[in-house]
Amino acid sequence: MDTRSLNAEMTERLLAAPAEPVPDGGYALRVLETRGRTSAEPRRTPLAVVGREGGHFLVSPVRGRDWVRNLLADPACAVLENTDRIPCQAHEVVGAEAAAVIAVYLRSMTVPWAIRAFPVPQEASLDDILGHVADMAVFELRDRP
């Protein structure tokens, strides 16, 4: 099965189930809806939403992923939880703050393939993560104004 089919299947499963709360220092699975940067069509991607110090964040081990490029082109997005659609603005986080969010993601993640996608090991120090943070992407999800 290809990645698109797997994402579509996971999206269906996530939207059919009650949403777990996003724990501080952990993550919960959600569906992110972005606008395609060339098509302008809605695009849905199942992702982990990371909780840190009361904020909600998205993390990608690779800046070139479609959902990352979509948010960089248009930060307006929505988080889908079961039957709810929560409009958000994605604000890119960089530097030490991004490294701290990535550390939370890595330490809380239990899915081996998700951990292996990162250029640093799960137990990497903040300094090690900071050395690779420019190749990754972190966004804070905020309410739309």
N, C-alpha and C. Protein backbone atom coordinates (compact mmCIF):
# COMPACT_ATOMS: atom_id res chain seq x y z
N MET A 1 0.85 -1.18 0.00
CA MET A 1 0.00 0.00 0.00
C MET A 1 0.89 1.25 0.00
N ASP A 2 0.55 2.25 -0.81
CA ASP A 2 1.36 3.46 -0.89
C ASP A 2 1.04 4.43 0.24
N THR A 3 1.87 5.47 0.37
CA THR A 3 1.73 6.43 1.47
C THR A 3 0.39 7.15 1.42
N ARG A 4 -0.07 7.54 0.24
CA ARG A 4 -1.37 8.23 0.14
C ARG A 4 -2.51 7.36 0.64
N SER A 5 -2.48 6.09 0.27
CA SER A 5 -3.53 5.17 0.71
C SER A 5 -3.48 4.97 2.22
N LEU A 6 -2.27 4.82 2.76
CA LEU A 6 -2.12 4.66 4.21
C LEU A 6 -2.61 5.91 4.94
N ASN A 7 -2.25 7.10 4.44
CA ASN A 7 -2.70 8.34 5.06
C ASN A 7 -4.22 8.47 5.00
N ALA A 8 -4.81 8.12 3.86
CA ALA A 8 -6.27 8.20 3.72
C ALA A 8 -6.96 7.25 4.69
N GLU A 9 -6.42 6.05 4.83
CA GLU A 9 -7.00 5.06 5.76
C GLU A 9 -6.87 5.55 7.21
N MET A 10 -5.71 6.07 7.57
CA MET A 10 -5.51 6.56 8.93
C MET A 10 -6.39 7.78 9.21
N THR A 11 -6.53 8.66 8.22
CA THR A 11 -7.40 9.83 8.37
C THR A 11 -8.83 9.39 8.67
N GLU A 12 -9.33 8.43 7.93
CA GLU A 12 -10.69 7.90 8.16
C GLU A 12 -10.82 7.35 9.58
N ARG A 13 -9.85 6.57 10.02
CA ARG A 13 -9.90 5.99 11.37
C ARG A 13 -9.88 7.07 12.45
N LEU A 14 -9.01 8.07 12.28
CA LEU A 14 -8.93 9.14 13.28
C LEU A 14 -10.22 9.95 13.36
N LEU A 15 -10.82 10.23 12.21
CA LEU A 15 -12.05 11.03 12.21
C LEU A 15 -13.27 10.23 12.68
N ALA A 16 -13.17 8.92 12.68
CA ALA A 16 -14.28 8.08 13.13
C ALA A 16 -14.25 7.83 14.63
N ALA A 17 -13.16 8.17 15.30
CA ALA A 17 -12.99 7.86 16.73
C ALA A 17 -13.00 9.15 17.55
N PRO A 18 -13.39 9.06 18.82
CA PRO A 18 -13.29 10.23 19.69
C PRO A 18 -11.82 10.65 19.84
N ALA A 19 -11.60 11.95 19.88
CA ALA A 19 -10.23 12.47 19.98
C ALA A 19 -9.73 12.42 21.41
N GLU A 20 -8.53 11.88 21.58
CA GLU A 20 -7.87 11.89 22.87
C GLU A 20 -7.33 13.29 23.13
N PRO A 21 -7.30 13.75 24.39
CA PRO A 21 -6.71 15.06 24.67
C PRO A 21 -5.21 15.05 24.35
N VAL A 22 -4.69 16.22 23.99
CA VAL A 22 -3.25 16.36 23.74
C VAL A 22 -2.58 16.60 25.10
N PRO A 23 -1.78 15.64 25.57
CA PRO A 23 -1.15 15.80 26.88
C PRO A 23 0.08 16.72 26.81
N ASP A 24 0.29 17.49 27.86
CA ASP A 24 1.50 18.29 27.94
C ASP A 24 2.68 17.33 28.09
N GLY A 25 3.69 17.46 27.27
CA GLY A 25 4.83 16.56 27.31
C GLY A 25 4.59 15.28 26.53
N GLY A 26 3.58 15.26 25.68
CA GLY A 26 3.26 14.08 24.89
C GLY A 26 2.60 14.48 23.58
N TYR A 27 1.85 13.57 22.99
CA TYR A 27 1.19 13.86 21.73
C TYR A 27 -0.13 13.11 21.63
N ALA A 28 -0.96 13.58 20.71
CA ALA A 28 -2.19 12.88 20.33
C ALA A 28 -2.32 12.99 18.82
N LEU A 29 -2.91 11.99 18.22
CA LEU A 29 -3.06 11.99 16.77
C LEU A 29 -4.26 12.82 16.35
N ARG A 30 -4.07 13.59 15.30
CA ARG A 30 -5.10 14.43 14.73
C ARG A 30 -4.96 14.41 13.21
N VAL A 31 -5.90 15.06 12.54
CA VAL A 31 -5.82 15.24 11.09
C VAL A 31 -5.63 16.73 10.84
N LEU A 32 -4.58 17.06 10.10
CA LEU A 32 -4.30 18.44 9.73
C LEU A 32 -4.87 18.68 8.34
N GLU A 33 -5.59 19.78 8.19
CA GLU A 33 -6.10 20.17 6.87
C GLU A 33 -5.39 21.45 6.44
N THR A 34 -4.69 21.36 5.32
CA THR A 34 -4.00 22.51 4.73
C THR A 34 -4.60 22.77 3.36
N ARG A 35 -4.19 23.87 2.76
CA ARG A 35 -4.60 24.18 1.38
C ARG A 35 -3.40 23.87 0.49
N GLY A 36 -3.64 23.07 -0.54
CA GLY A 36 -2.56 22.74 -1.48
C GLY A 36 -1.95 23.99 -2.08
N ARG A 37 -0.64 24.07 -2.08
CA ARG A 37 0.03 25.30 -2.50
C ARG A 37 -0.10 25.56 -3.99
N THR A 38 -0.34 24.55 -4.81
CA THR A 38 -0.55 24.78 -6.24
C THR A 38 -2.00 24.55 -6.64
N SER A 39 -2.65 23.58 -6.03
CA SER A 39 -4.04 23.27 -6.40
C SER A 39 -5.07 24.12 -5.66
N ALA A 40 -4.69 24.63 -4.48
CA ALA A 40 -5.60 25.35 -3.58
C ALA A 40 -6.71 24.44 -3.04
N GLU A 41 -6.59 23.14 -3.27
CA GLU A 41 -7.56 22.17 -2.76
C GLU A 41 -7.20 21.79 -1.32
N PRO A 42 -8.22 21.46 -0.50
CA PRO A 42 -7.93 21.01 0.86
C PRO A 42 -7.13 19.69 0.84
N ARG A 43 -6.13 19.62 1.70
CA ARG A 43 -5.30 18.41 1.83
C ARG A 43 -5.32 17.98 3.28
N ARG A 44 -5.57 16.70 3.51
CA ARG A 44 -5.63 16.16 4.87
C ARG A 44 -4.47 15.21 5.13
N THR A 45 -3.85 15.40 6.30
CA THR A 45 -2.70 14.59 6.68
C THR A 45 -2.83 14.18 8.14
N PRO A 46 -2.76 12.88 8.45
CA PRO A 46 -2.74 12.47 9.86
C PRO A 46 -1.38 12.79 10.47
N LEU A 47 -1.41 13.45 11.64
CA LEU A 47 -0.18 13.87 12.29
C LEU A 47 -0.30 13.77 13.80
N ALA A 48 0.85 13.77 14.46
CA ALA A 48 0.89 13.88 15.92
C ALA A 48 0.90 15.36 16.27
N VAL A 49 0.01 15.75 17.17
CA VAL A 49 0.03 17.11 17.72
C VAL A 49 0.71 17.00 19.08
N VAL A 50 1.80 17.74 19.24
CA VAL A 50 2.62 17.68 20.45
C VAL A 50 2.17 18.77 21.42
N GLY A 51 2.03 18.40 22.69
CA GLY A 51 1.72 19.38 23.73
C GLY A 51 2.98 19.76 24.48
N ARG A 52 3.23 21.07 24.60
CA ARG A 52 4.39 21.55 25.36
C ARG A 52 4.06 22.90 25.97
N GLU A 53 4.14 22.96 27.28
CA GLU A 53 3.92 24.19 28.04
C GLU A 53 2.64 24.90 27.62
N GLY A 54 1.58 24.12 27.46
CA GLY A 54 0.27 24.68 27.13
C GLY A 54 0.04 24.95 25.66
N GLY A 55 1.06 24.80 24.82
CA GLY A 55 0.91 25.02 23.39
C GLY A 55 0.78 23.71 22.64
N HIS A 56 0.29 23.80 21.40
CA HIS A 56 0.16 22.64 20.53
C HIS A 56 1.03 22.86 19.30
N PHE A 57 1.79 21.83 18.93
CA PHE A 57 2.80 21.96 17.89
C PHE A 57 2.74 20.79 16.91
N LEU A 58 3.19 21.04 15.69
CA LEU A 58 3.39 20.02 14.67
C LEU A 58 4.88 19.92 14.41
N VAL A 59 5.36 18.70 14.19
CA VAL A 59 6.79 18.46 13.99
C VAL A 59 6.97 17.59 12.75
N SER A 60 7.93 17.98 11.92
CA SER A 60 8.30 17.15 10.77
C SER A 60 9.81 16.95 10.78
N PRO A 61 10.25 15.70 10.59
CA PRO A 61 11.69 15.45 10.52
C PRO A 61 12.31 15.93 9.21
N VAL A 62 11.45 16.31 8.25
CA VAL A 62 11.90 16.71 6.91
C VAL A 62 11.13 17.96 6.48
N ARG A 63 11.85 19.02 6.16
CA ARG A 63 11.20 20.28 5.74
C ARG A 63 10.46 20.15 4.41
N GLY A 64 10.84 19.18 3.58
CA GLY A 64 10.27 19.08 2.24
C GLY A 64 8.94 18.36 2.14
N ARG A 65 8.38 17.92 3.24
CA ARG A 65 7.09 17.22 3.17
C ARG A 65 6.01 18.17 2.66
N ASP A 66 5.04 17.60 1.94
CA ASP A 66 4.00 18.43 1.33
C ASP A 66 3.25 19.28 2.34
N TRP A 67 2.88 18.71 3.48
CA TRP A 67 2.10 19.49 4.45
C TRP A 67 2.93 20.66 5.00
N VAL A 68 4.23 20.47 5.14
CA VAL A 68 5.11 21.55 5.60
C VAL A 68 5.15 22.66 4.54
N ARG A 69 5.37 22.28 3.30
CA ARG A 69 5.43 23.27 2.23
C ARG A 69 4.10 23.99 2.07
N ASN A 70 2.99 23.27 2.29
CA ASN A 70 1.67 23.92 2.23
C ASN A 70 1.53 24.98 3.32
N LEU A 71 1.97 24.64 4.54
CA LEU A 71 1.87 25.61 5.64
C LEU A 71 2.80 26.80 5.44
N LEU A 72 3.96 26.56 4.87
CA LEU A 72 4.88 27.67 4.60
C LEU A 72 4.29 28.62 3.56
N ALA A 73 3.51 28.08 2.61
CA ALA A 73 2.87 28.90 1.58
C ALA A 73 1.62 29.60 2.11
N ASP A 74 0.88 28.92 3.00
CA ASP A 74 -0.36 29.47 3.56
C ASP A 74 -0.54 28.88 4.96
N PRO A 75 -0.27 29.65 6.00
CA PRO A 75 -0.33 29.12 7.36
C PRO A 75 -1.74 28.89 7.90
N ALA A 76 -2.77 29.31 7.18
CA ALA A 76 -4.14 29.03 7.62
C ALA A 76 -4.38 27.53 7.45
N CYS A 77 -4.89 26.90 8.49
CA CYS A 77 -5.12 25.46 8.46
C CYS A 77 -6.25 25.12 9.42
N ALA A 78 -6.53 23.85 9.56
CA ALA A 78 -7.52 23.39 10.54
C ALA A 78 -7.05 22.06 11.09
N VAL A 79 -7.38 21.84 12.35
CA VAL A 79 -7.15 20.54 12.98
C VAL A 79 -8.51 19.88 13.08
N LEU A 80 -8.59 18.66 12.56
CA LEU A 80 -9.84 17.92 12.56
C LEU A 80 -9.80 16.88 13.65
N GLU A 81 -10.84 16.90 14.48
CA GLU A 81 -10.98 15.94 15.59
C GLU A 81 -12.38 15.35 15.51
N ASN A 82 -12.48 14.12 15.09
CA ASN A 82 -13.76 13.45 14.99
C ASN A 82 -14.69 14.31 14.13
N THR A 83 -15.71 14.94 14.70
CA THR A 83 -16.62 15.77 13.90
C THR A 83 -16.31 17.26 14.02
N ASP A 84 -15.29 17.63 14.77
CA ASP A 84 -14.95 19.04 14.96
C ASP A 84 -13.87 19.49 13.98
N ARG A 85 -14.00 20.73 13.56
CA ARG A 85 -12.99 21.37 12.70
C ARG A 85 -12.54 22.63 13.42
N ILE A 86 -11.27 22.66 13.82
CA ILE A 86 -10.73 23.77 14.61
C ILE A 86 -9.81 24.61 13.71
N PRO A 87 -10.25 25.81 13.31
CA PRO A 87 -9.40 26.66 12.48
C PRO A 87 -8.18 27.13 13.28
N CYS A 88 -7.01 27.13 12.62
CA CYS A 88 -5.75 27.51 13.26
C CYS A 88 -4.89 28.31 12.29
N GLN A 89 -3.89 28.95 12.86
CA GLN A 89 -2.79 29.55 12.11
C GLN A 89 -1.54 28.81 12.56
N ALA A 90 -0.74 28.37 11.62
CA ALA A 90 0.51 27.69 11.93
C ALA A 90 1.64 28.72 11.88
N HIS A 91 2.36 28.85 13.00
CA HIS A 91 3.48 29.77 13.09
C HIS A 91 4.76 28.96 13.22
N GLU A 92 5.67 29.14 12.28
CA GLU A 92 6.92 28.36 12.33
C GLU A 92 7.72 28.75 13.56
N VAL A 93 8.25 27.72 14.21
CA VAL A 93 9.09 27.88 15.39
C VAL A 93 10.50 27.45 14.99
N VAL A 94 11.50 28.21 15.40
CA VAL A 94 12.87 27.92 15.00
C VAL A 94 13.79 27.89 16.22
N GLY A 95 15.03 27.50 15.99
CA GLY A 95 16.06 27.58 17.02
C GLY A 95 15.80 26.69 18.22
N ALA A 96 16.17 27.22 19.40
CA ALA A 96 16.11 26.44 20.64
C ALA A 96 14.69 26.01 20.98
N GLU A 97 13.70 26.87 20.69
CA GLU A 97 12.31 26.48 20.98
C GLU A 97 11.89 25.29 20.12
N ALA A 98 12.26 25.31 18.84
CA ALA A 98 11.96 24.19 17.96
C ALA A 98 12.64 22.91 18.46
N ALA A 99 13.90 23.03 18.87
CA ALA A 99 14.63 21.86 19.39
C ALA A 99 13.94 21.29 20.61
N ALA A 100 13.42 22.14 21.49
CA ALA A 100 12.74 21.66 22.70
C ALA A 100 11.45 20.92 22.35
N VAL A 101 10.72 21.40 21.33
CA VAL A 101 9.49 20.72 20.90
C VAL A 101 9.84 19.37 20.27
N ILE A 102 10.87 19.34 19.44
CA ILE A 102 11.31 18.08 18.83
C ILE A 102 11.70 17.08 19.90
N ALA A 103 12.38 17.54 20.94
CA ALA A 103 12.78 16.65 22.04
C ALA A 103 11.55 16.03 22.70
N VAL A 104 10.50 16.81 22.92
CA VAL A 104 9.26 16.28 23.50
C VAL A 104 8.68 15.21 22.59
N TYR A 105 8.62 15.53 21.30
CA TYR A 105 8.09 14.56 20.33
C TYR A 105 8.89 13.25 20.38
N LEU A 106 10.20 13.37 20.27
CA LEU A 106 11.04 12.16 20.24
C LEU A 106 10.91 11.33 21.51
N ARG A 107 10.88 11.99 22.66
CA ARG A 107 10.83 11.25 23.93
C ARG A 107 9.48 10.60 24.19
N SER A 108 8.42 11.16 23.59
CA SER A 108 7.09 10.60 23.82
C SER A 108 6.67 9.62 22.73
N MET A 109 7.32 9.65 21.58
CA MET A 109 6.93 8.81 20.45
C MET A 109 7.29 7.35 20.71
N THR A 110 6.36 6.46 20.37
CA THR A 110 6.58 5.03 20.56
C THR A 110 6.57 4.25 19.25
N VAL A 111 6.37 4.93 18.13
CA VAL A 111 6.29 4.27 16.83
C VAL A 111 7.70 4.28 16.20
N PRO A 112 8.30 3.09 16.05
CA PRO A 112 9.70 3.03 15.58
C PRO A 112 9.97 3.74 14.26
N TRP A 113 9.10 3.58 13.26
CA TRP A 113 9.37 4.22 11.96
C TRP A 113 9.31 5.74 12.06
N ALA A 114 8.47 6.27 12.95
CA ALA A 114 8.39 7.72 13.12
C ALA A 114 9.67 8.25 13.76
N ILE A 115 10.22 7.51 14.68
CA ILE A 115 11.48 7.91 15.34
C ILE A 115 12.64 7.85 14.35
N ARG A 116 12.67 6.78 13.55
CA ARG A 116 13.77 6.59 12.58
C ARG A 116 13.78 7.66 11.50
N ALA A 117 12.67 8.36 11.29
CA ALA A 117 12.60 9.39 10.25
C ALA A 117 13.42 10.63 10.60
N PHE A 118 13.79 10.77 11.87
CA PHE A 118 14.53 11.95 12.33
C PHE A 118 16.03 11.78 12.12
N PRO A 119 16.74 12.89 11.88
CA PRO A 119 18.18 12.82 11.68
C PRO A 119 18.97 12.70 12.99
N VAL A 120 18.26 12.59 14.11
CA VAL A 120 18.89 12.43 15.43
C VAL A 120 18.23 11.26 16.14
N PRO A 121 18.93 10.62 17.08
CA PRO A 121 18.32 9.52 17.83
C PRO A 121 17.28 10.03 18.83
N GLN A 122 16.46 9.12 19.30
CA GLN A 122 15.38 9.46 20.23
C GLN A 122 15.89 10.13 21.50
N GLU A 123 17.06 9.76 21.96
CA GLU A 123 17.61 10.30 23.20
C GLU A 123 18.57 11.47 22.97
N ALA A 124 18.52 12.08 21.79
CA ALA A 124 19.43 13.18 21.44
C ALA A 124 19.29 14.34 22.43
N SER A 125 20.41 14.98 22.70
CA SER A 125 20.41 16.17 23.56
C SER A 125 19.83 17.36 22.78
N LEU A 126 19.47 18.41 23.51
CA LEU A 126 18.98 19.62 22.85
C LEU A 126 20.03 20.18 21.90
N ASP A 127 21.30 20.14 22.28
CA ASP A 127 22.37 20.63 21.41
C ASP A 127 22.47 19.81 20.12
N ASP A 128 22.33 18.48 20.24
CA ASP A 128 22.36 17.62 19.05
C ASP A 128 21.18 17.95 18.13
N ILE A 129 20.00 18.11 18.71
CA ILE A 129 18.81 18.44 17.92
C ILE A 129 19.00 19.80 17.26
N LEU A 130 19.50 20.76 18.02
CA LEU A 130 19.70 22.12 17.50
C LEU A 130 20.62 22.12 16.28
N GLY A 131 21.57 21.21 16.25
CA GLY A 131 22.47 21.10 15.10
C GLY A 131 21.79 20.64 13.83
N HIS A 132 20.57 20.07 13.94
CA HIS A 132 19.83 19.56 12.78
C HIS A 132 18.50 20.28 12.58
N VAL A 133 18.17 21.22 13.44
CA VAL A 133 16.82 21.80 13.44
C VAL A 133 16.50 22.52 12.13
N ALA A 134 17.48 23.05 11.44
CA ALA A 134 17.22 23.75 10.17
C ALA A 134 16.70 22.82 9.09
N ASP A 135 16.96 21.51 9.22
CA ASP A 135 16.49 20.53 8.23
C ASP A 135 15.11 20.00 8.57
N MET A 136 14.59 20.34 9.74
CA MET A 136 13.29 19.88 10.20
C MET A 136 12.32 21.06 10.21
N ALA A 137 11.08 20.81 10.60
CA ALA A 137 10.10 21.89 10.68
C ALA A 137 9.25 21.71 11.93
N VAL A 138 8.99 22.84 12.61
CA VAL A 138 8.13 22.86 13.79
C VAL A 138 7.19 24.05 13.63
N PHE A 139 5.91 23.81 13.87
CA PHE A 139 4.91 24.87 13.81
C PHE A 139 4.10 24.87 15.09
N GLU A 140 3.84 26.05 15.62
CA GLU A 140 2.90 26.18 16.72
C GLU A 140 1.53 26.47 16.13
N LEU A 141 0.52 25.77 16.62
CA LEU A 141 -0.85 26.00 16.18
C LEU A 141 -1.50 27.02 17.08
N ARG A 142 -1.96 28.11 16.50
CA ARG A 142 -2.62 29.16 17.26
C ARG A 142 -4.01 29.38 16.70
N ASP A 143 -4.89 29.95 17.53
CA ASP A 143 -6.23 30.30 17.06
C ASP A 143 -6.11 31.30 15.93
N ARG A 144 -7.00 31.18 14.96
CA ARG A 144 -7.01 32.17 13.88
C ARG A 144 -7.54 33.49 14.42
N PRO A 145 -6.90 34.59 14.02
CA PRO A 145 -7.38 35.90 14.48
C PRO A 145 -8.73 36.25 13.90
